[in-house]
Amino acid sequence: MYIDGFLAPVAKDKVAAYREHSRKCSEVWKEHGAVDYVECVGDDVPHGTLTSFPRAVQLQDDEVVIFAWIAYPSRAVRDACNAAVMADPRMQALGEEMKTILDGKRMVWGGFEAVLQV
């Protein structure tokens, strides 16, 4: 299994719009090979002294942290899926829509090889 993980700040008054945006994105990713697509809104994310989810995205008072992941069977499937997603014409509109919902400059993401799945 291979996972793309994300942290992003979203304004509290835009969480519903983010949820709908994510639903549309999930359809595209799953059509191109993702096996799981999960988006979570922070509910218990304390502001740490040195590090924390809020610090990672420079969270503002009127925002919440989004924690999300997309799962694939392998890194090769992930790479092919992401290439297909970026070439998918639906992503043009979804990319523009995302800019109105979250600050992508404060988004954190990365790819992870699973070492344990129970």
PDB file of N, CA and C in Angstrom:
ATOM      1  N   MET A   1       0.838  -1.178   0.000  1.00  0.00           N
ATOM      2  CA  MET A   1       0.000   0.000   0.000  1.00  0.00           C
ATOM      3  C   MET A   1       0.883   1.242   0.000  1.00  0.00           C
ATOM      4  N   TYR A   2       0.400   2.276  -0.659  1.00  0.00           N
ATOM      5  CA  TYR A   2       1.096   3.559  -0.706  1.00  0.00           C
ATOM      6  C   TYR A   2       0.073   4.646  -0.377  1.00  0.00           C
ATOM      7  N   ILE A   3       0.487   5.632   0.401  1.00  0.00           N
ATOM      8  CA  ILE A   3      -0.425   6.675   0.885  1.00  0.00           C
ATOM      9  C   ILE A   3       0.106   8.054   0.524  1.00  0.00           C
ATOM     10  N   ASP A   4      -0.772   8.909   0.010  1.00  0.00           N
ATOM     11  CA  ASP A   4      -0.495  10.340  -0.078  1.00  0.00           C
ATOM     12  C   ASP A   4      -1.193  10.981   1.105  1.00  0.00           C
ATOM     13  N   GLY A   5      -0.462  11.714   1.930  1.00  0.00           N
ATOM     14  CA  GLY A   5      -1.039  12.361   3.099  1.00  0.00           C
ATOM     15  C   GLY A   5      -1.005  13.868   2.962  1.00  0.00           C
ATOM     16  N   PHE A   6      -2.005  14.532   3.553  1.00  0.00           N
ATOM     17  CA  PHE A   6      -2.165  15.976   3.410  1.00  0.00           C
ATOM     18  C   PHE A   6      -2.589  16.621   4.723  1.00  0.00           C
ATOM     19  N   LEU A   7      -2.118  17.835   4.954  1.00  0.00           N
ATOM     20  CA  LEU A   7      -2.624  18.737   5.983  1.00  0.00           C
ATOM     21  C   LEU A   7      -2.915  20.047   5.277  1.00  0.00           C
ATOM     22  N   ALA A   8      -4.049  20.662   5.612  1.00  0.00           N
ATOM     23  CA  ALA A   8      -4.377  21.945   4.981  1.00  0.00           C
ATOM     24  C   ALA A   8      -5.251  22.773   5.914  1.00  0.00           C
ATOM     25  N   PRO A   9      -5.093  24.099   5.888  1.00  0.00           N
ATOM     26  CA  PRO A   9      -5.976  24.973   6.650  1.00  0.00           C
ATOM     27  C   PRO A   9      -7.194  25.339   5.804  1.00  0.00           C
ATOM     28  N   VAL A  10      -8.370  25.262   6.410  1.00  0.00           N
ATOM     29  CA  VAL A  10      -9.606  25.651   5.725  1.00  0.00           C
ATOM     30  C   VAL A  10     -10.402  26.551   6.662  1.00  0.00           C
ATOM     31  N   ALA A  11     -10.915  27.655   6.132  1.00  0.00           N
ATOM     32  CA  ALA A  11     -11.745  28.553   6.935  1.00  0.00           C
ATOM     33  C   ALA A  11     -12.963  27.791   7.454  1.00  0.00           C
ATOM     34  N   LYS A  12     -13.306  28.031   8.706  1.00  0.00           N
ATOM     35  CA  LYS A  12     -14.438  27.328   9.320  1.00  0.00           C
ATOM     36  C   LYS A  12     -15.719  27.490   8.516  1.00  0.00           C
ATOM     37  N   ASP A  13     -15.909  28.657   7.918  1.00  0.00           N
ATOM     38  CA  ASP A  13     -17.140  28.884   7.158  1.00  0.00           C
ATOM     39  C   ASP A  13     -17.085  28.284   5.745  1.00  0.00           C
ATOM     40  N   LYS A  14     -15.974  27.621   5.411  1.00  0.00           N
ATOM     41  CA  LYS A  14     -15.858  26.986   4.100  1.00  0.00           C
ATOM     42  C   LYS A  14     -15.748  25.459   4.180  1.00  0.00           C
ATOM     43  N   VAL A  15     -15.975  24.902   5.366  1.00  0.00           N
ATOM     44  CA  VAL A  15     -15.855  23.458   5.531  1.00  0.00           C
ATOM     45  C   VAL A  15     -16.880  22.715   4.672  1.00  0.00           C
ATOM     46  N   ALA A  16     -18.096  23.193   4.587  1.00  0.00           N
ATOM     47  CA  ALA A  16     -19.106  22.532   3.754  1.00  0.00           C
ATOM     48  C   ALA A  16     -18.692  22.560   2.285  1.00  0.00           C
ATOM     49  N   ALA A  17     -18.163  23.683   1.825  1.00  0.00           N
ATOM     50  CA  ALA A  17     -17.687  23.788   0.444  1.00  0.00           C
ATOM     51  C   ALA A  17     -16.499  22.856   0.231  1.00  0.00           C
ATOM     52  N   TYR A  18     -15.618  22.759   1.233  1.00  0.00           N
ATOM     53  CA  TYR A  18     -14.481  21.854   1.131  1.00  0.00           C
ATOM     54  C   TYR A  18     -14.951  20.409   1.029  1.00  0.00           C
ATOM     55  N   ARG A  19     -15.933  20.046   1.834  1.00  0.00           N
ATOM     56  CA  ARG A  19     -16.469  18.681   1.814  1.00  0.00           C
ATOM     57  C   ARG A  19     -17.006  18.342   0.421  1.00  0.00           C
ATOM     58  N   GLU A  20     -17.759  19.244  -0.179  1.00  0.00           N
ATOM     59  CA  GLU A  20     -18.318  19.005  -1.511  1.00  0.00           C
ATOM     60  C   GLU A  20     -17.200  18.944  -2.555  1.00  0.00           C
ATOM     61  N   HIS A  21     -16.236  19.824  -2.441  1.00  0.00           N
ATOM     62  CA  HIS A  21     -15.083  19.811  -3.350  1.00  0.00           C
ATOM     63  C   HIS A  21     -14.349  18.468  -3.250  1.00  0.00           C
ATOM     64  N   SER A  22     -14.143  18.000  -2.038  1.00  0.00           N
ATOM     65  CA  SER A  22     -13.450  16.731  -1.817  1.00  0.00           C
ATOM     66  C   SER A  22     -14.238  15.561  -2.397  1.00  0.00           C
ATOM     67  N   ARG A  23     -15.551  15.604  -2.290  1.00  0.00           N
ATOM     68  CA  ARG A  23     -16.381  14.542  -2.857  1.00  0.00           C
ATOM     69  C   ARG A  23     -16.143  14.451  -4.368  1.00  0.00           C
ATOM     70  N   LYS A  24     -16.115  15.607  -5.027  1.00  0.00           N
ATOM     71  CA  LYS A  24     -15.871  15.630  -6.482  1.00  0.00           C
ATOM     72  C   LYS A  24     -14.469  15.105  -6.795  1.00  0.00           C
ATOM     73  N   CYS A  25     -13.481  15.539  -6.037  1.00  0.00           N
ATOM     74  CA  CYS A  25     -12.106  15.073  -6.260  1.00  0.00           C
ATOM     75  C   CYS A  25     -11.991  13.570  -6.031  1.00  0.00           C
ATOM     76  N   SER A  26     -12.651  13.071  -5.013  1.00  0.00           N
ATOM     77  CA  SER A  26     -12.559  11.641  -4.706  1.00  0.00           C
ATOM     78  C   SER A  26     -13.028  10.794  -5.877  1.00  0.00           C
ATOM     79  N   GLU A  27     -14.052  11.251  -6.577  1.00  0.00           N
ATOM     80  CA  GLU A  27     -14.553  10.506  -7.731  1.00  0.00           C
ATOM     81  C   GLU A  27     -13.475  10.401  -8.810  1.00  0.00           C
ATOM     82  N   VAL A  28     -12.769  11.494  -9.052  1.00  0.00           N
ATOM     83  CA  VAL A  28     -11.717  11.499 -10.079  1.00  0.00           C
ATOM     84  C   VAL A  28     -10.580  10.568  -9.657  1.00  0.00           C
ATOM     85  N   TRP A  29     -10.101  10.704  -8.421  1.00  0.00           N
ATOM     86  CA  TRP A  29      -8.987   9.877  -7.959  1.00  0.00           C
ATOM     87  C   TRP A  29      -9.356   8.396  -7.994  1.00  0.00           C
ATOM     88  N   LYS A  30     -10.553   8.056  -7.533  1.00  0.00           N
ATOM     89  CA  LYS A  30     -10.938   6.639  -7.500  1.00  0.00           C
ATOM     90  C   LYS A  30     -11.117   6.074  -8.907  1.00  0.00           C
ATOM     91  N   GLU A  31     -11.593   6.878  -9.828  1.00  0.00           N
ATOM     92  CA  GLU A  31     -11.704   6.415 -11.218  1.00  0.00           C
ATOM     93  C   GLU A  31     -10.338   6.078 -11.809  1.00  0.00           C
ATOM     94  N   HIS A  32      -9.298   6.744 -11.315  1.00  0.00           N
ATOM     95  CA  HIS A  32      -7.962   6.556 -11.879  1.00  0.00           C
ATOM     96  C   HIS A  32      -7.069   5.630 -11.051  1.00  0.00           C
ATOM     97  N   GLY A  33      -7.620   4.977 -10.012  1.00  0.00           N
ATOM     98  CA  GLY A  33      -6.842   3.949  -9.321  1.00  0.00           C
ATOM     99  C   GLY A  33      -6.721   4.025  -7.819  1.00  0.00           C
ATOM    100  N   ALA A  34      -7.135   5.126  -7.187  1.00  0.00           N
ATOM    101  CA  ALA A  34      -7.077   5.194  -5.722  1.00  0.00           C
ATOM    102  C   ALA A  34      -8.065   4.193  -5.136  1.00  0.00           C
ATOM    103  N   VAL A  35      -7.680   3.549  -4.036  1.00  0.00           N
ATOM    104  CA  VAL A  35      -8.575   2.574  -3.399  1.00  0.00           C
ATOM    105  C   VAL A  35      -9.281   3.146  -2.175  1.00  0.00           C
ATOM    106  N   ASP A  36      -8.777   4.253  -1.649  1.00  0.00           N
ATOM    107  CA  ASP A  36      -9.405   4.888  -0.494  1.00  0.00           C
ATOM    108  C   ASP A  36      -9.101   6.377  -0.546  1.00  0.00           C
ATOM    109  N   TYR A  37     -10.062   7.188  -0.126  1.00  0.00           N
ATOM    110  CA  TYR A  37      -9.929   8.649  -0.163  1.00  0.00           C
ATOM    111  C   TYR A  37     -10.636   9.165   1.084  1.00  0.00           C
ATOM    112  N   VAL A  38      -9.877   9.722   2.030  1.00  0.00           N
ATOM    113  CA  VAL A  38     -10.433  10.122   3.323  1.00  0.00           C
ATOM    114  C   VAL A  38     -10.072  11.575   3.617  1.00  0.00           C
ATOM    115  N   GLU A  39     -11.059  12.352   4.023  1.00  0.00           N
ATOM    116  CA  GLU A  39     -10.859  13.754   4.429  1.00  0.00           C
ATOM    117  C   GLU A  39     -11.421  13.915   5.838  1.00  0.00           C
ATOM    118  N   CYS A  40     -10.651  14.510   6.732  1.00  0.00           N
ATOM    119  CA  CYS A  40     -11.054  14.678   8.129  1.00  0.00           C
ATOM    120  C   CYS A  40     -10.900  16.139   8.546  1.00  0.00           C
ATOM    121  N   VAL A  41     -11.847  16.628   9.334  1.00  0.00           N
ATOM    122  CA  VAL A  41     -11.791  17.992   9.871  1.00  0.00           C
ATOM    123  C   VAL A  41     -11.311  17.904  11.313  1.00  0.00           C
ATOM    124  N   GLY A  42     -10.286  18.692  11.649  1.00  0.00           N
ATOM    125  CA  GLY A  42      -9.727  18.672  12.997  1.00  0.00           C
ATOM    126  C   GLY A  42     -10.763  18.978  14.058  1.00  0.00           C
ATOM    127  N   ASP A  43     -10.777  18.138  15.078  1.00  0.00           N
ATOM    128  CA  ASP A  43     -11.725  18.281  16.182  1.00  0.00           C
ATOM    129  C   ASP A  43     -10.989  18.389  17.518  1.00  0.00           C
ATOM    130  N   ASP A  44      -9.828  17.750  17.609  1.00  0.00           N
ATOM    131  CA  ASP A  44      -9.033  17.757  18.832  1.00  0.00           C
ATOM    132  C   ASP A  44      -7.567  17.854  18.425  1.00  0.00           C
ATOM    133  N   VAL A  45      -7.160  19.045  18.001  1.00  0.00           N
ATOM    134  CA  VAL A  45      -5.797  19.263  17.502  1.00  0.00           C
ATOM    135  C   VAL A  45      -5.155  20.414  18.274  1.00  0.00           C
ATOM    136  N   PRO A  46      -4.565  20.100  19.417  1.00  0.00           N
ATOM    137  CA  PRO A  46      -3.967  21.152  20.246  1.00  0.00           C
ATOM    138  C   PRO A  46      -2.789  21.833  19.570  1.00  0.00           C
ATOM    139  N   HIS A  47      -2.606  23.068  19.926  1.00  0.00           N
ATOM    140  CA  HIS A  47      -1.491  23.881  19.416  1.00  0.00           C
ATOM    141  C   HIS A  47      -0.273  23.549  20.268  1.00  0.00           C
ATOM    142  N   GLY A  48       0.690  22.846  19.699  1.00  0.00           N
ATOM    143  CA  GLY A  48       1.867  22.409  20.443  1.00  0.00           C
ATOM    144  C   GLY A  48       2.879  23.505  20.682  1.00  0.00           C
ATOM    145  N   THR A  49       3.787  23.245  21.594  1.00  0.00           N
ATOM    146  CA  THR A  49       4.833  24.200  21.925  1.00  0.00           C
ATOM    147  C   THR A  49       5.859  24.315  20.797  1.00  0.00           C
ATOM    148  N   LEU A  50       6.293  23.167  20.261  1.00  0.00           N
ATOM    149  CA  LEU A  50       7.273  23.158  19.175  1.00  0.00           C
ATOM    150  C   LEU A  50       6.654  22.763  17.838  1.00  0.00           C
ATOM    151  N   THR A  51       5.897  21.680  17.853  1.00  0.00           N
ATOM    152  CA  THR A  51       5.277  21.186  16.622  1.00  0.00           C
ATOM    153  C   THR A  51       3.832  20.792  16.891  1.00  0.00           C
ATOM    154  N   SER A  52       3.020  20.856  15.862  1.00  0.00           N
ATOM    155  CA  SER A  52       1.624  20.434  15.965  1.00  0.00           C
ATOM    156  C   SER A  52       0.985  20.577  14.592  1.00  0.00           C
ATOM    157  N   PHE A  53      -0.186  20.009  14.432  1.00  0.00           N
ATOM    158  CA  PHE A  53      -0.915  20.196  13.182  1.00  0.00           C
ATOM    159  C   PHE A  53      -1.191  21.681  12.927  1.00  0.00           C
ATOM    160  N   PRO A  54      -1.680  22.434  13.915  1.00  0.00           N
ATOM    161  CA  PRO A  54      -1.911  23.864  13.658  1.00  0.00           C
ATOM    162  C   PRO A  54      -0.643  24.614  13.257  1.00  0.00           C
ATOM    163  N   ARG A  55       0.470  24.326  13.897  1.00  0.00           N
ATOM    164  CA  ARG A  55       1.723  24.999  13.551  1.00  0.00           C
ATOM    165  C   ARG A  55       2.178  24.629  12.143  1.00  0.00           C
ATOM    166  N   ALA A  56       1.971  23.384  11.751  1.00  0.00           N
ATOM    167  CA  ALA A  56       2.426  22.930  10.436  1.00  0.00           C
ATOM    168  C   ALA A  56       1.782  23.719   9.298  1.00  0.00           C
ATOM    169  N   VAL A  57       0.527  24.149   9.492  1.00  0.00           N
ATOM    170  CA  VAL A  57      -0.181  24.879   8.421  1.00  0.00           C
ATOM    171  C   VAL A  57      -0.383  26.351   8.760  1.00  0.00           C
ATOM    172  N   GLN A  58       0.284  26.833   9.822  1.00  0.00           N
ATOM    173  CA  GLN A  58       0.149  28.227  10.254  1.00  0.00           C
ATOM    174  C   GLN A  58      -1.328  28.600  10.420  1.00  0.00           C
ATOM    175  N   LEU A  59      -2.046  27.770  11.175  1.00  0.00           N
ATOM    176  CA  LEU A  59      -3.488  27.902  11.354  1.00  0.00           C
ATOM    177  C   LEU A  59      -3.876  29.265  11.936  1.00  0.00           C
ATOM    178  N   GLN A  60      -4.891  29.888  11.341  1.00  0.00           N
ATOM    179  CA  GLN A  60      -5.450  31.151  11.826  1.00  0.00           C
ATOM    180  C   GLN A  60      -6.651  30.848  12.738  1.00  0.00           C
ATOM    181  N   ASP A  61      -7.078  31.825  13.515  1.00  0.00           N
ATOM    182  CA  ASP A  61      -8.170  31.625  14.477  1.00  0.00           C
ATOM    183  C   ASP A  61      -9.480  31.196  13.832  1.00  0.00           C
ATOM    184  N   ASP A  62      -9.727  31.620  12.599  1.00  0.00           N
ATOM    185  CA  ASP A  62     -10.996  31.299  11.939  1.00  0.00           C
ATOM    186  C   ASP A  62     -10.902  30.072  11.037  1.00  0.00           C
ATOM    187  N   GLU A  63      -9.878  29.216  11.252  1.00  0.00           N
ATOM    188  CA  GLU A  63      -9.649  28.052  10.405  1.00  0.00           C
ATOM    189  C   GLU A  63      -9.630  26.753  11.213  1.00  0.00           C
ATOM    190  N   VAL A  64      -9.776  25.649  10.494  1.00  0.00           N
ATOM    191  CA  VAL A  64      -9.609  24.315  11.055  1.00  0.00           C
ATOM    192  C   VAL A  64      -8.566  23.587  10.209  1.00  0.00           C
ATOM    193  N   VAL A  65      -7.959  22.568  10.804  1.00  0.00           N
ATOM    194  CA  VAL A  65      -6.989  21.750  10.090  1.00  0.00           C
ATOM    195  C   VAL A  65      -7.722  20.596   9.417  1.00  0.00           C
ATOM    196  N   ILE A  66      -7.405  20.383   8.155  1.00  0.00           N
ATOM    197  CA  ILE A  66      -7.883  19.214   7.432  1.00  0.00           C
ATOM    198  C   ILE A  66      -6.743  18.209   7.391  1.00  0.00           C
ATOM    199  N   PHE A  67      -7.043  16.967   7.720  1.00  0.00           N
ATOM    200  CA  PHE A  67      -6.086  15.862   7.661  1.00  0.00           C
ATOM    201  C   PHE A  67      -6.687  14.857   6.686  1.00  0.00           C
ATOM    202  N   ALA A  68      -5.955  14.527   5.641  1.00  0.00           N
ATOM    203  CA  ALA A  68      -6.520  13.677   4.593  1.00  0.00           C
ATOM    204  C   ALA A  68      -5.484  12.698   4.064  1.00  0.00           C
ATOM    205  N   TRP A  69      -5.984  11.616   3.469  1.00  0.00           N
ATOM    206  CA  TRP A  69      -5.092  10.686   2.803  1.00  0.00           C
ATOM    207  C   TRP A  69      -5.814   9.984   1.672  1.00  0.00           C
ATOM    208  N   ILE A  70      -4.998   9.595   0.704  1.00  0.00           N
ATOM    209  CA  ILE A  70      -5.471   8.813  -0.433  1.00  0.00           C
ATOM    210  C   ILE A  70      -4.602   7.564  -0.476  1.00  0.00           C
ATOM    211  N   ALA A  71      -5.238   6.397  -0.558  1.00  0.00           N
ATOM    212  CA  ALA A  71      -4.506   5.132  -0.555  1.00  0.00           C
ATOM    213  C   ALA A  71      -4.530   4.487  -1.937  1.00  0.00           C
ATOM    214  N   TYR A  72      -3.424   3.849  -2.249  1.00  0.00           N
ATOM    215  CA  TYR A  72      -3.242   3.157  -3.525  1.00  0.00           C
ATOM    216  C   TYR A  72      -2.636   1.778  -3.245  1.00  0.00           C
ATOM    217  N   PRO A  73      -2.786   0.847  -4.160  1.00  0.00           N
ATOM    218  CA  PRO A  73      -2.172  -0.472  -3.951  1.00  0.00           C
ATOM    219  C   PRO A  73      -0.644  -0.434  -3.949  1.00  0.00           C
ATOM    220  N   SER A  74      -0.044   0.548  -4.636  1.00  0.00           N
ATOM    221  CA  SER A  74       1.411   0.619  -4.737  1.00  0.00           C
ATOM    222  C   SER A  74       1.840   2.021  -5.167  1.00  0.00           C
ATOM    223  N   ARG A  75       3.123   2.284  -5.074  1.00  0.00           N
ATOM    224  CA  ARG A  75       3.667   3.562  -5.541  1.00  0.00           C
ATOM    225  C   ARG A  75       3.475   3.707  -7.048  1.00  0.00           C
ATOM    226  N   ALA A  76       3.644   2.619  -7.793  1.00  0.00           N
ATOM    227  CA  ALA A  76       3.473   2.681  -9.250  1.00  0.00           C
ATOM    228  C   ALA A  76       2.043   3.062  -9.612  1.00  0.00           C
ATOM    229  N   VAL A  77       1.071   2.495  -8.909  1.00  0.00           N
ATOM    230  CA  VAL A  77      -0.333   2.849  -9.161  1.00  0.00           C
ATOM    231  C   VAL A  77      -0.562   4.300  -8.784  1.00  0.00           C
ATOM    232  N   ARG A  78       0.019   4.733  -7.670  1.00  0.00           N
ATOM    233  CA  ARG A  78      -0.120   6.130  -7.250  1.00  0.00           C
ATOM    234  C   ARG A  78       0.430   7.084  -8.295  1.00  0.00           C
ATOM    235  N   ASP A  79       1.626   6.794  -8.803  1.00  0.00           N
ATOM    236  CA  ASP A  79       2.238   7.670  -9.793  1.00  0.00           C
ATOM    237  C   ASP A  79       1.393   7.750 -11.067  1.00  0.00           C
ATOM    238  N   ALA A  80       0.894   6.605 -11.516  1.00  0.00           N
ATOM    239  CA  ALA A  80       0.046   6.576 -12.717  1.00  0.00           C
ATOM    240  C   ALA A  80      -1.281   7.280 -12.455  1.00  0.00           C
ATOM    241  N   CYS A  81      -1.854   7.062 -11.291  1.00  0.00           N
ATOM    242  CA  CYS A  81      -3.120   7.703 -10.918  1.00  0.00           C
ATOM    243  C   CYS A  81      -2.959   9.216 -10.889  1.00  0.00           C
ATOM    244  N   ASN A  82      -1.932   9.705 -10.228  1.00  0.00           N
ATOM    245  CA  ASN A  82      -1.739  11.152 -10.132  1.00  0.00           C
ATOM    246  C   ASN A  82      -1.506  11.787 -11.497  1.00  0.00           C
ATOM    247  N   ALA A  83      -0.774  11.093 -12.375  1.00  0.00           N
ATOM    248  CA  ALA A  83      -0.568  11.613 -13.728  1.00  0.00           C
ATOM    249  C   ALA A  83      -1.901  11.685 -14.471  1.00  0.00           C
ATOM    250  N   ALA A  84      -2.723  10.647 -14.333  1.00  0.00           N
ATOM    251  CA  ALA A  84      -4.030  10.631 -14.997  1.00  0.00           C
ATOM    252  C   ALA A  84      -4.956  11.696 -14.414  1.00  0.00           C
ATOM    253  N   VAL A  85      -4.913  11.876 -13.098  1.00  0.00           N
ATOM    254  CA  VAL A  85      -5.748  12.899 -12.453  1.00  0.00           C
ATOM    255  C   VAL A  85      -5.367  14.288 -12.959  1.00  0.00           C
ATOM    256  N   MET A  86      -4.084  14.577 -13.016  1.00  0.00           N
ATOM    257  CA  MET A  86      -3.640  15.894 -13.467  1.00  0.00           C
ATOM    258  C   MET A  86      -3.988  16.148 -14.932  1.00  0.00           C
ATOM    259  N   ALA A  87      -4.110  15.098 -15.731  1.00  0.00           N
ATOM    260  CA  ALA A  87      -4.476  15.244 -17.140  1.00  0.00           C
ATOM    261  C   ALA A  87      -5.986  15.238 -17.352  1.00  0.00           C
ATOM    262  N   ASP A  88      -6.734  14.889 -16.312  1.00  0.00           N
ATOM    263  CA  ASP A  88      -8.195  14.794 -16.419  1.00  0.00           C
ATOM    264  C   ASP A  88      -8.784  16.202 -16.555  1.00  0.00           C
ATOM    265  N   PRO A  89      -9.603  16.445 -17.583  1.00  0.00           N
ATOM    266  CA  PRO A  89     -10.158  17.795 -17.796  1.00  0.00           C
ATOM    267  C   PRO A  89     -10.989  18.320 -16.619  1.00  0.00           C
ATOM    268  N   ARG A  90     -11.570  17.442 -15.831  1.00  0.00           N
ATOM    269  CA  ARG A  90     -12.359  17.889 -14.665  1.00  0.00           C
ATOM    270  C   ARG A  90     -11.499  18.595 -13.631  1.00  0.00           C
ATOM    271  N   MET A  91     -10.206  18.283 -13.605  1.00  0.00           N
ATOM    272  CA  MET A  91      -9.334  18.856 -12.590  1.00  0.00           C
ATOM    273  C   MET A  91      -9.053  20.333 -12.815  1.00  0.00           C
ATOM    274  N   GLN A  92      -9.194  20.818 -14.023  1.00  0.00           N
ATOM    275  CA  GLN A  92      -9.011  22.254 -14.289  1.00  0.00           C
ATOM    276  C   GLN A  92      -9.984  23.062 -13.434  1.00  0.00           C
ATOM    277  N   ALA A  93     -11.268  22.716 -13.528  1.00  0.00           N
ATOM    278  CA  ALA A  93     -12.287  23.430 -12.749  1.00  0.00           C
ATOM    279  C   ALA A  93     -12.118  23.165 -11.262  1.00  0.00           C
ATOM    280  N   LEU A  94     -11.802  21.924 -10.882  1.00  0.00           N
ATOM    281  CA  LEU A  94     -11.650  21.603  -9.463  1.00  0.00           C
ATOM    282  C   LEU A  94     -10.439  22.319  -8.867  1.00  0.00           C
ATOM    283  N   GLY A  95      -9.381  22.471  -9.652  1.00  0.00           N
ATOM    284  CA  GLY A  95      -8.200  23.200  -9.177  1.00  0.00           C
ATOM    285  C   GLY A  95      -8.503  24.663  -8.927  1.00  0.00           C
ATOM    286  N   GLU A  96      -9.261  25.271  -9.829  1.00  0.00           N
ATOM    287  CA  GLU A  96      -9.662  26.674  -9.645  1.00  0.00           C
ATOM    288  C   GLU A  96     -10.570  26.821  -8.435  1.00  0.00           C
ATOM    289  N   GLU A  97     -11.490  25.863  -8.278  1.00  0.00           N
ATOM    290  CA  GLU A  97     -12.414  25.887  -7.133  1.00  0.00           C
ATOM    291  C   GLU A  97     -11.640  25.780  -5.820  1.00  0.00           C
ATOM    292  N   MET A  98     -10.618  24.917  -5.785  1.00  0.00           N
ATOM    293  CA  MET A  98      -9.846  24.732  -4.565  1.00  0.00           C
ATOM    294  C   MET A  98      -9.200  26.033  -4.105  1.00  0.00           C
ATOM    295  N   LYS A  99      -8.758  26.851  -5.048  1.00  0.00           N
ATOM    296  CA  LYS A  99      -8.115  28.121  -4.694  1.00  0.00           C
ATOM    297  C   LYS A  99      -9.038  29.041  -3.917  1.00  0.00           C
ATOM    298  N   THR A 100     -10.348  28.889  -4.051  1.00  0.00           N
ATOM    299  CA  THR A 100     -11.304  29.724  -3.321  1.00  0.00           C
ATOM    300  C   THR A 100     -11.629  29.144  -1.952  1.00  0.00           C
ATOM    301  N   ILE A 101     -11.165  27.911  -1.691  1.00  0.00           N
ATOM    302  CA  ILE A 101     -11.531  27.226  -0.446  1.00  0.00           C
ATOM    303  C   ILE A 101     -10.387  27.158   0.550  1.00  0.00           C
ATOM    304  N   LEU A 102      -9.153  26.955   0.044  1.00  0.00           N
ATOM    305  CA  LEU A 102      -8.032  26.832   0.983  1.00  0.00           C
ATOM    306  C   LEU A 102      -6.795  27.513   0.430  1.00  0.00           C
ATOM    307  N   ASP A 103      -5.876  27.796   1.343  1.00  0.00           N
ATOM    308  CA  ASP A 103      -4.606  28.426   0.987  1.00  0.00           C
ATOM    309  C   ASP A 103      -3.588  27.329   0.711  1.00  0.00           C
ATOM    310  N   GLY A 104      -3.388  27.007  -0.564  1.00  0.00           N
ATOM    311  CA  GLY A 104      -2.491  25.933  -0.947  1.00  0.00           C
ATOM    312  C   GLY A 104      -1.043  26.162  -0.554  1.00  0.00           C
ATOM    313  N   LYS A 105      -0.648  27.410  -0.315  1.00  0.00           N
ATOM    314  CA  LYS A 105       0.731  27.694   0.093  1.00  0.00           C
ATOM    315  C   LYS A 105       1.020  27.169   1.494  1.00  0.00           C
ATOM    316  N   ARG A 106      -0.036  26.979   2.281  1.00  0.00           N
ATOM    317  CA  ARG A 106       0.152  26.467   3.641  1.00  0.00           C
ATOM    318  C   ARG A 106      -0.212  24.992   3.759  1.00  0.00           C
ATOM    319  N   MET A 107      -0.471  24.359   2.641  1.00  0.00           N
ATOM    320  CA  MET A 107      -0.782  22.931   2.610  1.00  0.00           C
ATOM    321  C   MET A 107       0.514  22.130   2.716  1.00  0.00           C
ATOM    322  N   VAL A 108       0.467  21.023   3.448  1.00  0.00           N
ATOM    323  CA  VAL A 108       1.609  20.132   3.612  1.00  0.00           C
ATOM    324  C   VAL A 108       1.200  18.772   3.060  1.00  0.00           C
ATOM    325  N   TRP A 109       2.088  18.153   2.263  1.00  0.00           N
ATOM    326  CA  TRP A 109       1.734  16.838   1.723  1.00  0.00           C
ATOM    327  C   TRP A 109       2.981  16.016   1.482  1.00  0.00           C
ATOM    328  N   GLY A 110       2.764  14.724   1.313  1.00  0.00           N
ATOM    329  CA  GLY A 110       3.873  13.828   1.003  1.00  0.00           C
ATOM    330  C   GLY A 110       3.360  12.432   0.717  1.00  0.00           C
ATOM    331  N   GLY A 111       4.222  11.633   0.108  1.00  0.00           N
ATOM    332  CA  GLY A 111       3.907  10.241  -0.189  1.00  0.00           C
ATOM    333  C   GLY A 111       4.601   9.330   0.803  1.00  0.00           C
ATOM    334  N   PHE A 112       3.887   8.267   1.204  1.00  0.00           N
ATOM    335  CA  PHE A 112       4.383   7.375   2.252  1.00  0.00           C
ATOM    336  C   PHE A 112       4.185   5.911   1.877  1.00  0.00           C
ATOM    337  N   GLU A 113       5.226   5.125   2.050  1.00  0.00           N
ATOM    338  CA  GLU A 113       5.121   3.692   1.870  1.00  0.00           C
ATOM    339  C   GLU A 113       4.613   3.092   3.175  1.00  0.00           C
ATOM    340  N   ALA A 114       3.558   2.319   3.102  1.00  0.00           N
ATOM    341  CA  ALA A 114       3.008   1.696   4.311  1.00  0.00           C
ATOM    342  C   ALA A 114       3.974   0.622   4.823  1.00  0.00           C
ATOM    343  N   VAL A 115       4.226   0.654   6.127  1.00  0.00           N
ATOM    344  CA  VAL A 115       5.082  -0.363   6.734  1.00  0.00           C
ATOM    345  C   VAL A 115       4.278  -1.320   7.610  1.00  0.00           C
ATOM    346  N   LEU A 116       3.039  -0.948   7.920  1.00  0.00           N
ATOM    347  CA  LEU A 116       2.157  -1.808   8.695  1.00  0.00           C
ATOM    348  C   LEU A 116       0.727  -1.476   8.365  1.00  0.00           C
ATOM    349  N   GLN A 117      -0.054  -2.482   8.073  1.00  0.00           N
ATOM    350  CA  GLN A 117      -1.495  -2.317   7.865  1.00  0.00           C
ATOM    351  C   GLN A 117      -2.153  -3.501   8.536  1.00  0.00           C
ATOM    352  N   VAL A 118      -2.970  -3.238   9.537  1.00  0.00           N
ATOM    353  CA  VAL A 118      -3.603  -4.319  10.303  1.00  0.00           C
ATOM    354  C   VAL A 118      -5.081  -4.341  10.017  1.00  0.00           C
TER     355      VAL A 118
END
